[in-house]
N, C-alpha and C. Protein backbone atom coordinates (compact mmCIF):
# COMPACT_ATOMS: atom_id res chain seq x y z
N MET A 1 88.15 94.68 -5.97
CA MET A 1 89.37 95.40 -5.83
C MET A 1 89.21 96.49 -4.76
N ILE A 2 90.11 96.64 -3.85
CA ILE A 2 89.93 97.53 -2.75
C ILE A 2 90.61 98.89 -3.12
N LYS A 3 89.91 99.97 -3.07
CA LYS A 3 90.47 101.24 -3.40
C LYS A 3 91.32 101.77 -2.20
N GLU A 4 92.35 102.56 -2.46
CA GLU A 4 93.15 103.00 -1.33
C GLU A 4 92.46 103.81 -0.34
N GLU A 5 91.33 104.59 -0.75
CA GLU A 5 90.60 105.38 0.23
C GLU A 5 89.93 104.56 1.27
N LEU A 6 89.65 103.23 0.98
CA LEU A 6 88.92 102.37 1.81
C LEU A 6 89.70 101.63 2.82
N ILE A 7 91.07 101.74 2.68
CA ILE A 7 91.87 100.99 3.69
C ILE A 7 91.69 101.58 5.09
N LEU A 8 91.52 100.69 6.02
CA LEU A 8 91.28 101.13 7.35
C LEU A 8 92.29 100.60 8.24
N ARG A 9 92.05 99.98 9.45
CA ARG A 9 92.98 99.60 10.43
C ARG A 9 93.59 98.22 10.02
N THR A 10 94.82 98.05 10.40
CA THR A 10 95.37 96.65 10.26
C THR A 10 95.34 96.07 11.71
N ILE A 11 95.47 94.76 11.80
CA ILE A 11 95.47 94.14 13.12
C ILE A 11 96.96 94.17 13.57
N VAL A 12 97.14 94.65 14.80
CA VAL A 12 98.45 94.72 15.34
C VAL A 12 98.97 93.28 15.71
N PRO A 13 100.07 92.87 15.34
CA PRO A 13 100.65 91.59 15.51
C PRO A 13 101.17 91.52 16.96
N TYR A 14 100.27 91.24 17.89
CA TYR A 14 100.60 91.21 19.31
C TYR A 14 101.72 90.12 19.63
N SER A 15 101.78 89.13 18.82
CA SER A 15 102.83 88.06 19.12
C SER A 15 104.23 88.64 18.95
N SER A 16 104.32 89.77 18.32
CA SER A 16 105.67 90.36 18.03
C SER A 16 105.96 91.53 19.13
N LEU A 17 105.19 91.51 20.24
CA LEU A 17 105.44 92.40 21.31
C LEU A 17 105.92 91.77 22.58
N LYS A 18 106.82 92.38 23.32
CA LYS A 18 107.31 91.81 24.53
C LYS A 18 106.14 91.85 25.58
N ALA A 19 106.27 91.02 26.62
CA ALA A 19 105.23 90.90 27.64
C ALA A 19 104.89 92.17 28.33
N ASN A 20 105.87 92.99 28.55
CA ASN A 20 105.53 94.24 29.39
C ASN A 20 105.08 95.38 28.47
N SER A 21 104.72 95.15 27.21
CA SER A 21 104.05 96.19 26.40
C SER A 21 102.63 96.35 26.89
N TRP A 22 102.03 97.54 26.64
CA TRP A 22 100.73 97.84 27.11
C TRP A 22 100.05 98.86 26.16
N ALA A 23 98.72 98.81 26.13
CA ALA A 23 97.97 99.75 25.31
C ALA A 23 96.56 99.89 26.02
N TYR A 24 96.02 101.20 25.95
CA TYR A 24 94.72 101.48 26.49
C TYR A 24 93.89 102.29 25.52
N ASP A 25 92.66 101.84 25.42
CA ASP A 25 91.66 102.64 24.67
C ASP A 25 90.89 103.56 25.66
N PHE A 26 90.53 104.71 25.32
CA PHE A 26 89.73 105.54 26.07
C PHE A 26 88.36 105.88 25.42
N THR A 27 87.37 106.14 26.20
CA THR A 27 86.01 106.43 25.63
C THR A 27 85.59 107.79 26.12
N PRO A 28 85.92 108.85 25.44
CA PRO A 28 85.58 110.14 25.89
C PRO A 28 84.02 110.40 25.61
N SER A 29 83.40 111.28 26.38
CA SER A 29 82.08 111.52 26.23
C SER A 29 81.84 112.44 24.93
N LEU A 30 80.58 112.55 24.49
CA LEU A 30 80.30 113.32 23.26
C LEU A 30 80.79 114.76 23.51
N GLU A 31 80.50 115.26 24.75
CA GLU A 31 80.87 116.75 24.99
C GLU A 31 82.37 116.92 24.73
N ILE A 32 83.17 115.99 25.26
CA ILE A 32 84.58 116.07 25.14
C ILE A 32 85.02 115.90 23.82
N ARG A 33 84.43 115.03 22.92
CA ARG A 33 84.81 114.84 21.58
C ARG A 33 84.40 116.08 20.79
N GLN A 34 83.37 116.78 21.17
CA GLN A 34 82.90 117.92 20.38
C GLN A 34 83.80 119.18 20.72
N LYS A 35 84.35 119.34 21.98
CA LYS A 35 84.94 120.55 22.47
C LYS A 35 86.38 120.55 22.50
N TYR A 36 87.08 119.33 22.74
CA TYR A 36 88.46 119.29 23.06
C TYR A 36 89.27 118.48 22.17
N MET A 37 90.59 118.61 22.27
CA MET A 37 91.53 117.70 21.67
C MET A 37 91.53 116.57 22.86
N TYR A 38 91.43 115.24 22.40
CA TYR A 38 91.31 114.22 23.32
C TYR A 38 92.12 112.99 22.88
N VAL A 39 92.51 112.16 23.84
CA VAL A 39 93.25 110.89 23.64
C VAL A 39 92.20 109.79 23.21
N GLN A 40 92.50 109.13 22.18
CA GLN A 40 91.63 108.03 21.81
C GLN A 40 92.25 106.69 22.35
N CYS A 41 93.56 106.51 22.22
CA CYS A 41 94.21 105.32 22.67
C CYS A 41 95.71 105.60 22.77
N MET A 42 96.40 104.88 23.66
CA MET A 42 97.86 105.10 23.62
C MET A 42 98.50 103.90 24.21
N GLY A 43 99.79 103.82 24.14
CA GLY A 43 100.54 102.58 24.64
C GLY A 43 102.05 102.76 24.58
N HIS A 44 102.60 101.75 25.14
CA HIS A 44 104.08 101.55 25.19
C HIS A 44 104.41 100.21 24.67
N TYR A 45 105.11 100.08 23.51
CA TYR A 45 105.35 98.74 22.91
C TYR A 45 106.90 98.53 22.94
N ILE A 46 107.30 97.37 23.28
CA ILE A 46 108.62 96.89 23.11
C ILE A 46 108.43 95.80 21.95
N ALA A 47 108.83 96.13 20.78
CA ALA A 47 108.48 95.35 19.59
C ALA A 47 109.74 94.50 19.11
N THR A 48 109.50 93.31 18.70
CA THR A 48 110.53 92.52 18.05
C THR A 48 110.62 92.85 16.66
N PRO A 49 111.67 92.38 15.95
CA PRO A 49 111.81 92.65 14.48
C PRO A 49 110.67 92.31 13.61
N ASN A 50 109.77 91.39 14.07
CA ASN A 50 108.63 91.00 13.30
C ASN A 50 107.45 92.01 13.33
N TYR A 51 107.52 93.03 14.19
CA TYR A 51 106.36 94.01 14.38
C TYR A 51 106.27 94.84 13.03
N ARG A 52 105.01 94.89 12.62
CA ARG A 52 104.76 95.66 11.39
C ARG A 52 103.25 96.13 11.44
N VAL A 53 103.07 97.44 11.15
CA VAL A 53 101.72 97.98 10.98
C VAL A 53 101.85 98.57 9.56
N ILE A 54 101.15 98.05 8.65
CA ILE A 54 101.36 98.28 7.20
C ILE A 54 100.14 98.87 6.57
N ARG A 55 100.31 99.96 5.84
CA ARG A 55 99.29 100.67 4.96
C ARG A 55 97.99 100.88 5.70
N ARG A 56 98.11 101.65 6.72
CA ARG A 56 96.87 102.09 7.51
C ARG A 56 96.38 103.44 6.82
N SER A 57 95.16 103.68 6.95
CA SER A 57 94.65 105.04 6.57
C SER A 57 93.27 105.12 7.00
N ASN A 58 92.66 106.38 6.83
CA ASN A 58 91.30 106.69 7.14
C ASN A 58 90.89 106.39 8.65
N ILE A 59 91.82 106.73 9.57
CA ILE A 59 91.54 106.44 10.90
C ILE A 59 91.05 107.65 11.68
N HIS A 60 91.08 108.82 11.00
CA HIS A 60 90.60 110.08 11.54
C HIS A 60 91.15 110.40 12.98
N SER A 61 92.47 110.39 12.99
CA SER A 61 93.22 110.80 14.23
C SER A 61 94.64 111.09 13.86
N TYR A 62 95.31 111.59 14.77
CA TYR A 62 96.76 111.89 14.60
C TYR A 62 97.55 110.85 15.45
N LEU A 63 98.65 110.51 15.06
CA LEU A 63 99.49 109.52 15.78
C LEU A 63 100.87 110.14 16.05
N LEU A 64 101.19 110.20 17.30
CA LEU A 64 102.52 110.63 17.83
C LEU A 64 103.29 109.32 18.13
N LEU A 65 104.39 109.10 17.51
CA LEU A 65 105.29 108.01 17.72
C LEU A 65 106.55 108.57 18.40
N TYR A 66 107.05 107.93 19.43
CA TYR A 66 108.31 108.40 20.17
C TYR A 66 109.14 107.20 20.41
N THR A 67 110.30 107.14 20.03
CA THR A 67 111.26 106.03 20.25
C THR A 67 112.10 106.30 21.56
N ARG A 68 112.03 105.36 22.40
CA ARG A 68 112.89 105.31 23.68
C ARG A 68 114.13 104.68 23.32
N SER A 69 114.14 103.57 22.61
CA SER A 69 115.44 102.88 22.23
C SER A 69 115.19 102.10 21.06
N GLY A 70 116.24 101.57 20.43
CA GLY A 70 116.14 100.81 19.20
C GLY A 70 115.84 101.79 18.06
N ALA A 71 115.13 101.32 17.10
CA ALA A 71 114.71 102.15 15.93
C ALA A 71 113.53 101.62 15.29
N GLY A 72 112.75 102.45 14.71
CA GLY A 72 111.61 102.11 13.96
C GLY A 72 111.66 102.82 12.62
N ILE A 73 110.98 102.39 11.59
CA ILE A 73 110.96 103.01 10.32
C ILE A 73 109.45 103.34 10.06
N VAL A 74 109.27 104.59 9.64
CA VAL A 74 107.93 105.15 9.33
C VAL A 74 107.95 105.39 7.88
N GLU A 75 106.93 104.85 7.07
CA GLU A 75 106.73 105.25 5.66
C GLU A 75 105.45 106.06 5.62
N TYR A 76 105.68 107.33 5.06
CA TYR A 76 104.60 108.26 5.20
C TYR A 76 104.88 109.36 4.12
N LYS A 77 103.83 109.71 3.38
CA LYS A 77 103.88 110.70 2.30
C LYS A 77 105.15 110.47 1.42
N GLU A 78 105.13 109.14 0.96
CA GLU A 78 106.21 108.70 0.00
C GLU A 78 107.63 108.82 0.50
N LYS A 79 107.82 108.89 1.83
CA LYS A 79 109.22 108.93 2.38
C LYS A 79 109.33 107.89 3.42
N LYS A 80 110.55 107.44 3.65
CA LYS A 80 110.93 106.52 4.63
C LYS A 80 111.80 107.19 5.65
N ILE A 81 111.33 107.12 6.87
CA ILE A 81 111.96 107.95 7.91
C ILE A 81 112.36 106.96 9.09
N VAL A 82 113.58 107.12 9.49
CA VAL A 82 114.07 106.30 10.58
C VAL A 82 113.82 107.04 11.89
N LEU A 83 113.19 106.36 12.76
CA LEU A 83 112.97 106.97 14.12
C LEU A 83 113.87 106.30 15.13
N ASP A 84 115.05 106.94 15.45
CA ASP A 84 115.96 106.32 16.33
C ASP A 84 115.70 106.82 17.76
N LYS A 85 116.61 106.55 18.67
CA LYS A 85 116.48 106.95 20.11
C LYS A 85 116.19 108.40 20.27
N GLU A 86 115.13 108.61 21.14
CA GLU A 86 114.57 109.91 21.47
C GLU A 86 114.18 110.79 20.31
N SER A 87 113.61 110.18 19.20
CA SER A 87 113.09 110.87 18.21
C SER A 87 111.64 110.65 18.12
N ALA A 88 110.83 111.66 17.53
CA ALA A 88 109.43 111.59 17.60
C ALA A 88 108.93 112.13 16.27
N ILE A 89 107.72 111.64 15.87
CA ILE A 89 107.11 112.15 14.55
C ILE A 89 105.66 112.13 14.76
N LEU A 90 104.94 112.99 14.12
CA LEU A 90 103.51 113.21 14.14
C LEU A 90 102.97 112.78 12.75
N ILE A 91 101.90 111.98 12.73
CA ILE A 91 101.38 111.42 11.49
C ILE A 91 99.85 111.77 11.48
N ASP A 92 99.35 112.18 10.27
CA ASP A 92 97.95 112.32 9.97
C ASP A 92 97.49 110.96 9.55
N CYS A 93 96.65 110.21 10.40
CA CYS A 93 96.28 108.90 10.13
C CYS A 93 95.22 108.79 9.06
N ASP A 94 94.70 109.86 8.52
CA ASP A 94 93.82 109.77 7.36
C ASP A 94 94.66 109.34 6.09
N LEU A 95 95.92 109.63 6.14
CA LEU A 95 96.76 109.39 4.93
C LEU A 95 97.40 107.97 5.18
N ILE A 96 97.84 107.33 4.08
CA ILE A 96 98.40 105.97 4.12
C ILE A 96 99.77 106.08 4.75
N HIS A 97 99.99 105.24 5.81
CA HIS A 97 101.25 105.18 6.50
C HIS A 97 101.53 103.77 6.98
N SER A 98 102.70 103.54 7.22
CA SER A 98 103.30 102.21 7.82
C SER A 98 104.33 102.51 8.81
N TYR A 99 104.47 101.62 9.75
CA TYR A 99 105.60 101.74 10.69
C TYR A 99 105.95 100.39 11.18
N TYR A 100 107.24 100.25 11.34
CA TYR A 100 107.71 98.84 11.76
C TYR A 100 109.16 99.00 12.41
N CYS A 101 109.48 97.86 13.00
CA CYS A 101 110.77 97.73 13.67
C CYS A 101 111.91 97.77 12.57
N ALA A 102 112.89 98.64 12.76
CA ALA A 102 113.92 98.71 11.81
C ALA A 102 114.80 97.36 11.91
N PRO A 103 115.02 96.72 10.76
CA PRO A 103 115.74 95.34 10.80
C PRO A 103 116.98 95.38 11.61
N GLN A 104 117.77 96.44 11.51
CA GLN A 104 119.13 96.40 12.29
C GLN A 104 118.97 96.63 13.81
N SER A 105 117.84 97.13 14.27
CA SER A 105 117.79 97.57 15.61
C SER A 105 117.48 96.39 16.66
N GLY A 106 117.03 95.24 16.21
CA GLY A 106 116.73 94.25 17.16
C GLY A 106 115.32 94.40 17.73
N GLU A 107 115.16 95.28 18.68
CA GLU A 107 113.93 95.65 19.27
C GLU A 107 113.66 97.18 19.10
N TRP A 108 112.39 97.60 19.03
CA TRP A 108 112.04 98.94 19.02
C TRP A 108 111.17 99.30 20.27
N ASP A 109 111.59 100.03 21.12
CA ASP A 109 110.91 100.41 22.35
C ASP A 109 110.33 101.80 22.10
N PHE A 110 108.97 101.89 22.04
CA PHE A 110 108.40 103.18 21.58
C PHE A 110 107.05 103.35 22.34
N TYR A 111 106.75 104.62 22.51
CA TYR A 111 105.41 105.09 22.94
C TYR A 111 104.65 105.55 21.76
N TRP A 112 103.29 105.37 21.83
CA TRP A 112 102.45 105.86 20.75
C TRP A 112 101.15 106.48 21.37
N ILE A 113 100.65 107.39 20.72
CA ILE A 113 99.35 107.93 21.19
C ILE A 113 98.52 108.41 19.96
N HIS A 114 97.30 108.01 19.92
CA HIS A 114 96.33 108.44 18.88
C HIS A 114 95.47 109.55 19.56
N PHE A 115 95.34 110.63 19.03
CA PHE A 115 94.46 111.71 19.52
C PHE A 115 93.70 112.43 18.33
N SER A 116 92.67 113.07 18.71
CA SER A 116 91.73 113.80 17.74
C SER A 116 91.12 114.96 18.40
N GLY A 117 90.26 115.59 17.74
CA GLY A 117 89.48 116.70 18.21
C GLY A 117 89.24 117.77 17.09
N THR A 118 88.16 118.39 17.22
CA THR A 118 87.68 119.35 16.16
C THR A 118 88.55 120.54 16.06
N CYS A 119 89.31 120.89 17.03
CA CYS A 119 90.07 122.11 17.04
C CYS A 119 91.52 121.99 16.61
N ILE A 120 91.92 120.86 16.19
CA ILE A 120 93.39 120.67 15.95
C ILE A 120 93.88 120.55 14.49
N ASN A 121 92.91 120.38 13.50
CA ASN A 121 93.45 120.12 12.26
C ASN A 121 94.33 121.12 11.58
N GLY A 122 94.04 122.41 11.60
CA GLY A 122 94.87 123.41 10.98
C GLY A 122 96.20 123.54 11.77
N TYR A 123 96.07 123.50 13.03
CA TYR A 123 97.28 123.60 13.96
C TYR A 123 98.32 122.55 13.65
N LEU A 124 97.85 121.32 13.57
CA LEU A 124 98.78 120.17 13.42
C LEU A 124 99.33 119.99 11.95
N GLN A 125 98.53 120.51 10.94
CA GLN A 125 98.99 120.39 9.57
C GLN A 125 100.30 121.10 9.40
N GLU A 126 100.50 122.25 10.08
CA GLU A 126 101.78 122.94 9.99
C GLU A 126 102.95 122.03 10.46
N ILE A 127 102.73 121.43 11.52
CA ILE A 127 103.79 120.57 12.11
C ILE A 127 104.02 119.35 11.17
N ILE A 128 103.02 118.75 10.68
CA ILE A 128 103.10 117.54 9.89
C ILE A 128 103.79 117.85 8.57
N ASN A 129 103.48 119.07 8.02
CA ASN A 129 104.09 119.37 6.61
C ASN A 129 105.59 119.49 6.73
N SER A 130 106.20 119.80 7.88
CA SER A 130 107.55 119.85 7.98
C SER A 130 108.22 118.40 7.97
N LEU A 131 107.51 117.40 8.38
CA LEU A 131 107.88 116.01 8.29
C LEU A 131 109.39 115.70 8.76
N THR A 132 109.85 116.52 9.68
CA THR A 132 111.07 116.24 10.24
C THR A 132 110.95 115.62 11.64
N PRO A 133 111.55 114.48 11.88
CA PRO A 133 111.44 113.96 13.28
C PRO A 133 112.14 114.87 14.23
N VAL A 134 111.64 114.92 15.44
CA VAL A 134 112.26 115.84 16.44
C VAL A 134 112.96 114.99 17.41
N ASN A 135 114.12 115.41 17.84
CA ASN A 135 114.84 114.64 18.90
C ASN A 135 114.62 115.28 20.23
N ILE A 136 113.82 114.59 21.08
CA ILE A 136 113.54 115.09 22.43
C ILE A 136 113.09 113.92 23.31
N ASP A 137 113.30 114.01 24.60
CA ASP A 137 112.82 112.99 25.49
C ASP A 137 111.43 113.25 25.87
N LEU A 138 110.50 112.49 25.48
CA LEU A 138 109.03 112.56 25.72
C LEU A 138 108.51 111.59 26.67
N SER A 139 109.27 110.80 27.43
CA SER A 139 108.82 109.82 28.23
C SER A 139 107.88 110.34 29.29
N ASN A 140 108.30 111.41 29.98
CA ASN A 140 107.53 112.00 31.10
C ASN A 140 106.17 112.58 30.59
N VAL A 141 106.22 113.12 29.43
CA VAL A 141 105.00 113.63 28.76
C VAL A 141 103.97 112.50 28.50
N PHE A 142 104.35 111.34 27.97
CA PHE A 142 103.56 110.29 27.72
C PHE A 142 102.89 109.73 29.05
N HIS A 143 103.67 109.76 30.13
CA HIS A 143 103.16 109.29 31.40
C HIS A 143 102.14 110.31 31.94
N GLN A 144 102.40 111.64 31.73
CA GLN A 144 101.35 112.61 32.17
C GLN A 144 100.06 112.45 31.41
N ILE A 145 100.24 112.36 30.06
CA ILE A 145 99.05 112.16 29.30
C ILE A 145 98.19 110.90 29.72
N TYR A 146 98.90 109.84 29.87
CA TYR A 146 98.24 108.62 30.37
C TYR A 146 97.50 108.82 31.60
N ASN A 147 98.14 109.48 32.62
CA ASN A 147 97.56 109.70 33.98
C ASN A 147 96.34 110.57 33.83
N TYR A 148 96.42 111.71 33.04
CA TYR A 148 95.28 112.53 32.88
C TYR A 148 94.13 111.90 32.14
N SER A 149 94.38 111.00 31.25
CA SER A 149 93.38 110.39 30.40
C SER A 149 92.69 109.16 31.07
N ARG A 150 93.21 108.64 32.15
CA ARG A 150 92.56 107.63 32.80
C ARG A 150 91.34 108.02 33.45
N GLU A 151 91.19 109.24 33.91
CA GLU A 151 89.93 109.84 34.49
C GLU A 151 89.48 110.91 33.53
N TYR A 152 88.57 110.57 32.69
CA TYR A 152 88.08 111.51 31.67
C TYR A 152 87.08 112.48 32.30
N ASN A 153 87.59 113.72 32.55
CA ASN A 153 86.70 114.83 32.98
C ASN A 153 87.28 116.07 32.32
N ASN A 154 86.58 117.16 32.25
CA ASN A 154 86.95 118.27 31.47
C ASN A 154 88.38 118.85 31.86
N ILE A 155 88.64 118.90 33.16
CA ILE A 155 89.93 119.36 33.54
C ILE A 155 91.05 118.56 33.13
N ASN A 156 90.94 117.20 33.26
CA ASN A 156 91.96 116.34 32.88
C ASN A 156 92.18 116.30 31.30
N ILE A 157 91.02 116.43 30.66
CA ILE A 157 91.20 116.44 29.15
C ILE A 157 92.01 117.70 28.73
N ILE A 158 91.70 118.88 29.32
CA ILE A 158 92.42 120.06 29.05
C ILE A 158 93.93 119.85 29.42
N ARG A 159 94.17 119.25 30.47
CA ARG A 159 95.57 118.97 30.91
C ARG A 159 96.27 118.03 29.92
N ALA A 160 95.59 116.94 29.50
CA ALA A 160 96.14 116.09 28.54
C ALA A 160 96.36 116.77 27.12
N SER A 161 95.47 117.63 26.77
CA SER A 161 95.53 118.32 25.49
C SER A 161 96.74 119.38 25.58
N THR A 162 96.97 119.97 26.69
CA THR A 162 98.09 120.84 26.91
C THR A 162 99.42 120.06 26.84
N ALA A 163 99.39 118.89 27.45
CA ALA A 163 100.64 118.10 27.38
C ALA A 163 100.99 117.62 25.98
N ILE A 164 99.98 117.30 25.20
CA ILE A 164 100.18 116.92 23.81
C ILE A 164 100.74 118.12 23.03
N ILE A 165 100.18 119.24 23.21
CA ILE A 165 100.67 120.36 22.45
C ILE A 165 102.05 120.73 22.89
């Protein structure tokens, strides 16, 4: 029997993503991981109604989800939250969470970013505890973070961290 604390990553159902979806993993140095908030991976998915990431936990990162169009559903802290156009939510990925395409939306066009760092836990817990999706256009911010994260050096890591904040 698997205990809930042991649940790790689920496999993303890539067959439920449109062809122009993308995702990138980054490999920061030990110095960056010890000193800064840093991007672990990020992407832009256009998901079909079959897209589901169910019951993930113990990932040791934070996840920022931002909906460009359509809608997604996030199940987190025993709540079900609809992420519609231009809404965003921040999730502590150590806790059990699920997210998937909302049945009525057809497709869910969204950006996502996993980030971590030794300096962010207390800061982000205040934001997460409110658990209210924010309505804001974050498209340009995601592009900036991606561009900074492609070349991992201290200056760009600080720029990406600032953009996330």
